[in-house]
Amino acid sequence: MARLRRQPGEGGFTLVELLVASAMGVIVMGAVASLMISAVRDQPKISGEAQNISTARWVLARLTRELRNGVAVKEGTASRISFEGYVRHATCGGSAKLAATSPSIKCRITYECTTTSCSRKETTPPSTIGPAKLVFDGIDSNQVFSYSPNVAEATYVKATLHIPDPSGTGSLVVSSGASLRNATLGY
């Protein structure tokens, strides 16, 4: 019996203690590795959705800025809005910017949304015929625009983009709105 007791000054672990600690270490490391693999697999999808939401916010910021400079809504449905507003281009639909000292020009701006994307046209009033540029894709509803008090007398326009939820349970909604400041000034 005296041989089983440790003598003072002798230290260390028994073989059974080392085996139990090793097994526990392997289990913990396996759980950590599993979490890391899951995170690495999901990261591209999460980054893509974050980029989609960021782009949607940028599109709505641009739309609301243009609406604030708007004069009047000429046509409006839930999927389309056409209004006259002021832009800082040399020509309607052109890409050349105006000099800082030049006044903005009045153009007809049209946003049209389908169940998957939204496009924008900038034309010389009263025409709406011209090339459309894709501004956003990745939506799942064409019910984007609403008007207050109504389309004919709209002084406020709300835009709502429905982005598919990656988990498949509905949509993520990004919305914004703006008053047409120049509508009440008679420009």
Protein backbone atom coordinates (compact mmCIF):
# COMPACT_ATOMS: atom_id res chain seq x y z
CA MET A 1 0.00 0.00 0.00
CA ALA A 2 2.85 2.29 0.63
CA ARG A 3 4.00 1.84 -2.97
CA LEU A 4 0.75 3.32 -4.41
CA ARG A 5 1.13 6.60 -2.62
CA ARG A 6 3.20 9.30 -4.19
CA GLN A 7 6.27 10.29 -2.41
CA PRO A 8 6.87 13.97 -1.71
CA GLY A 9 8.69 15.58 -4.62
CA GLU A 10 7.27 13.22 -7.23
CA GLY A 11 4.91 15.04 -9.60
CA GLY A 12 3.09 14.44 -12.85
CA PHE A 13 -0.04 12.88 -14.20
CA THR A 14 -1.11 9.33 -14.45
CA LEU A 15 -1.66 7.67 -17.80
CA VAL A 16 -5.45 7.63 -17.23
CA GLU A 17 -5.49 11.38 -16.52
CA LEU A 18 -3.52 12.09 -19.69
CA LEU A 19 -5.85 9.93 -21.82
CA VAL A 20 -8.99 11.64 -20.43
CA ALA A 21 -7.50 15.13 -20.95
CA SER A 22 -6.46 14.23 -24.51
CA ALA A 23 -9.92 12.92 -25.37
CA MET A 24 -11.54 16.09 -24.00
CA GLY A 25 -9.09 18.22 -26.00
CA VAL A 26 -9.93 16.37 -29.23
CA ILE A 27 -13.67 16.88 -28.65
CA VAL A 28 -13.25 20.63 -27.97
CA MET A 29 -11.00 21.11 -31.02
CA GLY A 30 -13.49 19.21 -33.20
CA ALA A 31 -16.31 21.52 -32.08
CA VAL A 32 -14.20 24.62 -32.77
CA ALA A 33 -13.21 23.31 -36.22
CA SER A 34 -16.86 22.58 -37.04
CA LEU A 35 -17.86 26.16 -36.13
CA MET A 36 -15.03 27.60 -38.20
CA ILE A 37 -15.95 25.53 -41.26
CA SER A 38 -19.59 26.59 -40.95
CA ALA A 39 -18.62 30.28 -40.69
CA VAL A 40 -16.31 30.09 -43.69
CA ARG A 41 -19.02 28.43 -45.82
CA ASP A 42 -21.68 31.02 -44.90
CA GLN A 43 -19.47 34.10 -45.30
CA PRO A 44 -19.87 34.57 -49.10
CA LYS A 45 -23.66 34.40 -48.84
CA ILE A 46 -23.72 36.84 -45.93
CA SER A 47 -21.36 39.22 -47.74
CA GLY A 48 -23.53 39.07 -50.88
CA GLU A 49 -26.68 39.92 -48.96
CA ALA A 50 -24.94 42.75 -47.13
CA GLN A 51 -23.77 44.12 -50.49
CA ASN A 52 -27.33 43.85 -51.87
CA ILE A 53 -28.74 45.79 -48.91
CA SER A 54 -26.01 48.41 -49.18
CA THR A 55 -26.71 48.87 -52.89
CA ALA A 56 -30.46 49.13 -52.22
CA ARG A 57 -29.81 51.87 -49.66
CA TRP A 58 -27.60 53.72 -52.15
CA VAL A 59 -30.29 53.50 -54.87
CA LEU A 60 -32.94 54.81 -52.48
CA ALA A 61 -30.66 57.66 -51.38
CA ARG A 62 -30.15 58.65 -55.03
CA LEU A 63 -33.87 58.39 -55.78
CA THR A 64 -34.88 60.49 -52.77
CA ARG A 65 -32.25 63.13 -53.61
CA GLU A 66 -33.67 63.37 -57.15
CA LEU A 67 -37.24 63.49 -55.83
CA ARG A 68 -36.38 66.36 -53.51
CA ASN A 69 -35.27 68.30 -56.59
CA GLY A 70 -38.41 67.20 -58.42
CA VAL A 71 -40.96 69.56 -59.86
CA ALA A 72 -43.95 67.30 -60.52
CA VAL A 73 -44.84 63.64 -60.86
CA LYS A 74 -45.97 63.20 -64.46
CA GLU A 75 -46.78 59.48 -64.36
CA GLY A 76 -46.96 57.13 -61.45
CA THR A 77 -47.88 53.55 -60.67
CA ALA A 78 -46.65 51.13 -58.04
CA SER A 79 -43.89 49.96 -60.39
CA ARG A 80 -43.07 53.18 -62.28
CA ILE A 81 -42.54 56.85 -61.57
CA SER A 82 -41.80 59.58 -64.07
CA PHE A 83 -41.14 63.09 -62.82
CA GLU A 84 -39.45 66.29 -63.88
CA GLY A 85 -36.46 67.30 -61.85
CA TYR A 86 -33.17 69.14 -61.99
CA VAL A 87 -29.90 67.34 -62.75
CA ARG A 88 -26.25 68.38 -62.94
CA HIS A 89 -25.56 67.03 -66.45
CA ALA A 90 -24.79 69.04 -69.58
CA THR A 91 -27.63 67.24 -71.42
CA CYS A 92 -30.49 65.03 -70.28
CA GLY A 93 -29.21 61.46 -70.32
CA GLY A 94 -25.63 62.58 -70.90
CA SER A 95 -22.69 61.75 -68.69
CA ALA A 96 -20.85 65.10 -68.89
CA LYS A 97 -21.19 67.06 -65.66
CA LEU A 98 -22.00 70.75 -65.56
CA ALA A 99 -19.50 73.30 -64.33
CA ALA A 100 -20.01 74.30 -60.72
CA THR A 101 -21.14 77.78 -61.78
CA SER A 102 -23.74 76.53 -64.29
CA PRO A 103 -27.36 76.10 -63.24
CA SER A 104 -28.94 72.63 -63.20
CA ILE A 105 -31.10 71.60 -66.15
CA LYS A 106 -34.64 70.24 -66.06
CA CYS A 107 -35.00 66.64 -67.28
CA ARG A 108 -37.64 63.94 -67.17
CA ILE A 109 -36.47 61.14 -64.87
CA THR A 110 -38.19 57.75 -65.04
CA TYR A 111 -37.66 54.82 -62.70
CA GLU A 112 -39.26 51.54 -63.70
CA CYS A 113 -39.15 48.35 -61.64
CA THR A 114 -39.95 44.76 -62.54
CA THR A 115 -40.15 41.84 -60.14
CA THR A 116 -36.35 41.48 -60.35
CA SER A 117 -34.77 44.88 -61.08
CA CYS A 118 -35.13 48.66 -61.39
CA SER A 119 -33.91 50.86 -64.24
CA ARG A 120 -33.59 54.63 -64.70
CA LYS A 121 -34.02 56.90 -67.75
CA GLU A 122 -33.16 60.56 -68.05
CA THR A 123 -34.75 62.29 -71.06
CA THR A 124 -35.58 65.75 -72.34
CA PRO A 125 -39.14 66.69 -71.25
CA PRO A 126 -41.82 65.72 -72.15
CA SER A 127 -40.35 62.58 -73.75
CA THR A 128 -39.82 59.35 -71.82
CA ILE A 129 -38.17 57.56 -74.74
CA GLY A 130 -34.50 56.89 -74.27
CA PRO A 131 -32.01 54.32 -73.06
CA ALA A 132 -32.65 52.85 -69.63
CA LYS A 133 -29.79 52.04 -67.28
CA LEU A 134 -30.06 49.24 -64.74
CA VAL A 135 -29.65 50.71 -61.26
CA PHE A 136 -30.54 47.74 -59.07
CA ASP A 137 -31.35 44.06 -59.39
CA GLY A 138 -32.15 41.49 -56.77
CA ILE A 139 -35.65 42.52 -55.71
CA ASP A 140 -38.68 40.25 -55.55
CA SER A 141 -41.57 42.73 -55.93
CA ASN A 142 -42.47 45.42 -58.43
CA GLN A 143 -44.66 47.22 -55.87
CA VAL A 144 -42.09 49.93 -55.18
CA PHE A 145 -43.69 53.40 -55.28
CA SER A 146 -46.54 54.97 -53.30
CA TYR A 147 -47.76 58.56 -53.52
CA SER A 148 -49.25 61.04 -51.09
CA PRO A 149 -51.91 62.36 -51.25
CA ASN A 150 -52.36 60.68 -54.69
CA VAL A 151 -50.51 60.34 -58.00
CA ALA A 152 -52.06 63.43 -59.62
CA GLU A 153 -51.22 65.73 -56.68
CA ALA A 154 -48.18 63.93 -55.28
CA THR A 155 -45.99 65.99 -53.01
CA TYR A 156 -44.48 62.97 -51.23
CA VAL A 157 -43.24 59.73 -52.79
CA LYS A 158 -42.24 56.63 -50.85
CA ALA A 159 -40.07 53.91 -52.39
CA THR A 160 -39.81 50.41 -50.91
CA LEU A 161 -37.48 47.67 -52.17
CA HIS A 162 -38.19 44.06 -51.17
CA ILE A 163 -34.98 42.01 -51.18
CA PRO A 164 -35.27 38.21 -50.90
CA ASP A 165 -34.27 36.95 -47.46
CA PRO A 166 -31.40 34.44 -47.75
CA SER A 167 -33.09 32.17 -45.22
CA GLY A 168 -36.09 31.94 -47.56
CA THR A 169 -38.63 33.32 -45.10
CA GLY A 170 -40.01 36.45 -46.77
CA SER A 171 -38.23 39.64 -47.77
CA LEU A 172 -35.91 42.19 -46.28
CA VAL A 173 -37.47 45.61 -46.76
CA VAL A 174 -35.52 48.81 -47.40
CA SER A 175 -37.61 51.97 -47.79
CA SER A 176 -37.29 55.71 -47.94
CA GLY A 177 -39.30 58.66 -49.13
CA ALA A 178 -39.05 62.31 -50.03
CA SER A 179 -41.12 65.41 -50.60
CA LEU A 180 -40.89 67.17 -53.94
CA ARG A 181 -39.53 70.50 -52.66
CA ASN A 182 -39.83 72.30 -55.99
CA ALA A 183 -43.44 71.17 -56.51
CA THR A 184 -44.71 73.75 -54.03
CA LEU A 185 -42.44 76.49 -55.40
CA GLY A 186 -43.94 76.40 -58.88
CA TYR A 187 -40.77 75.64 -60.81
